[in-house]
Amino acid sequence: MSDYFIYVLIAIIVIVGVWFIFAKVLKNKKPKEVTLKDIPIDLEALIHALGGIDNIKESQSQGSKVRFFVENDDLVKVNVLKELGASGVIQATGKVTVILGKFSEEISRIVNAKK
């Protein structure tokens, strides 16, 4: 009985200790702030390929994609978007969906801030 009590006591101490360490580490860990230098795509060239900032109504990110709502579809240069590093481009009337990878949310946020 005393051996069982010691093992349970040690297990409880270890669990509480591990929980305390992870709670402190995770509480103090903040997500890395993404800057323009971290984004591997030239945003000015991206905006230009979409017809300029005045042609972009709004952008929305979803996973690795950014959906740009545009005024004039004729100003969008799909081949330039692909040359800039887009994995794929889907163009429909009034919107262009560009697969840009893990920085899609930041790209959308920055483009919307420039409006």
Protein backbone atom coordinates (compact mmCIF):
# COMPACT_ATOMS: atom_id res chain seq x y z
CA MET A 1 0.00 0.00 0.00
CA SER A 2 2.78 2.47 0.81
CA ASP A 3 4.53 1.80 -2.54
CA TYR A 4 1.29 2.52 -4.40
CA PHE A 5 0.84 5.77 -2.46
CA ILE A 6 4.40 6.89 -3.28
CA TYR A 7 3.91 6.15 -7.01
CA VAL A 8 0.65 8.09 -7.10
CA LEU A 9 2.22 11.00 -5.23
CA ILE A 10 5.20 11.07 -7.63
CA ALA A 11 2.86 10.93 -10.65
CA ILE A 12 0.79 13.83 -9.33
CA ILE A 13 3.92 15.91 -8.66
CA VAL A 14 5.25 15.20 -12.17
CA ILE A 15 1.91 16.07 -13.82
CA VAL A 16 1.58 19.31 -11.86
CA GLY A 17 5.21 20.20 -12.62
CA VAL A 18 4.86 19.57 -16.35
CA TRP A 19 1.58 21.50 -16.46
CA PHE A 20 3.16 24.44 -14.63
CA ILE A 21 6.15 24.55 -16.99
CA PHE A 22 3.99 24.40 -20.14
CA ALA A 23 1.56 26.97 -18.75
CA LYS A 24 4.38 29.45 -18.14
CA VAL A 25 6.08 28.81 -21.49
CA LEU A 26 2.90 29.00 -23.55
CA LYS A 27 1.58 32.01 -21.67
CA ASN A 28 4.71 34.04 -22.40
CA LYS A 29 5.04 32.94 -26.02
CA LYS A 30 3.70 35.53 -28.46
CA PRO A 31 3.26 34.94 -32.19
CA LYS A 32 5.97 36.35 -34.38
CA GLU A 33 5.05 39.67 -35.96
CA VAL A 34 5.30 39.37 -39.75
CA THR A 35 7.00 42.25 -41.56
CA LEU A 36 7.28 43.09 -45.24
CA LYS A 37 10.77 41.55 -45.27
CA ASP A 38 9.32 38.17 -44.26
CA ILE A 39 6.92 38.02 -47.21
CA PRO A 40 8.66 36.46 -50.24
CA ILE A 41 6.44 38.23 -52.79
CA ASP A 42 6.95 41.80 -54.00
CA LEU A 43 3.68 43.40 -52.88
CA GLU A 44 4.04 46.44 -55.12
CA ALA A 45 4.42 44.18 -58.16
CA LEU A 46 1.45 42.10 -56.95
CA ILE A 47 -0.72 45.22 -56.65
CA HIS A 48 0.44 46.39 -60.07
CA ALA A 49 -0.40 42.96 -61.58
CA LEU A 50 -3.90 43.30 -60.16
CA GLY A 51 -4.37 46.59 -62.00
CA GLY A 52 -3.15 48.95 -59.30
CA ILE A 53 -4.48 49.81 -55.85
CA ASP A 54 -7.41 51.73 -57.36
CA ASN A 55 -8.58 48.58 -59.18
CA ILE A 56 -8.70 46.54 -55.95
CA LYS A 57 -11.94 46.96 -54.02
CA GLU A 58 -11.11 44.57 -51.20
CA SER A 59 -9.10 41.46 -50.41
CA GLN A 60 -9.95 38.47 -48.23
CA SER A 61 -7.68 35.66 -47.15
CA GLN A 62 -8.74 32.07 -46.69
CA GLY A 63 -6.01 29.59 -45.82
CA SER A 64 -3.31 29.87 -48.46
CA LYS A 65 -5.49 31.86 -50.87
CA VAL A 66 -6.22 35.56 -51.23
CA ARG A 67 -9.37 36.65 -53.00
CA PHE A 68 -9.13 40.10 -54.58
CA PHE A 69 -12.32 41.86 -55.62
CA VAL A 70 -11.48 44.09 -58.58
CA GLU A 71 -13.22 46.87 -60.51
CA ASN A 72 -11.92 45.99 -63.98
CA ASP A 73 -10.99 42.41 -64.91
CA ASP A 74 -9.13 43.54 -68.03
CA LEU A 75 -6.40 45.21 -65.93
CA VAL A 76 -5.44 41.96 -64.16
CA LYS A 77 -2.29 40.30 -65.53
CA VAL A 78 -2.59 36.59 -64.71
CA ASN A 79 0.79 35.66 -66.21
CA VAL A 80 2.56 38.27 -64.05
CA LEU A 81 0.83 36.91 -60.93
CA LYS A 82 2.18 33.45 -61.74
CA GLU A 83 5.67 34.87 -62.36
CA LEU A 84 5.55 36.52 -58.93
CA GLY A 85 5.21 33.10 -57.30
CA ALA A 86 1.50 32.36 -57.19
CA SER A 87 0.85 28.62 -57.18
CA GLY A 88 -2.41 29.20 -58.98
CA VAL A 89 -4.70 31.95 -60.21
CA ILE A 90 -8.46 31.69 -60.68
CA GLN A 91 -10.13 34.63 -62.37
CA ALA A 92 -13.87 35.19 -62.40
CA THR A 93 -15.94 38.27 -63.10
CA GLY A 94 -15.07 40.87 -60.49
CA LYS A 95 -12.70 38.69 -58.47
CA VAL A 96 -9.32 37.03 -58.69
CA THR A 97 -8.27 34.23 -56.34
CA VAL A 98 -4.52 33.85 -55.99
CA ILE A 99 -2.81 30.99 -54.12
CA LEU A 100 0.09 32.65 -52.33
CA GLY A 101 0.94 30.29 -49.46
CA LYS A 102 1.33 30.81 -45.74
CA PHE A 103 1.59 34.61 -45.86
CA SER A 104 -1.84 35.07 -47.46
CA GLU A 105 -3.43 36.57 -44.36
CA GLU A 106 -0.67 39.16 -43.99
CA ILE A 107 -0.74 39.99 -47.70
CA SER A 108 -4.50 40.56 -47.56
CA ARG A 109 -4.17 42.71 -44.44
CA ILE A 110 -1.42 44.87 -45.98
CA VAL A 111 -3.30 45.34 -49.28
CA ASN A 112 -6.47 46.34 -47.43
CA ALA A 113 -4.46 48.79 -45.30
CA LYS A 114 -3.14 50.49 -48.44
CA LYS A 115 -6.68 51.25 -49.60
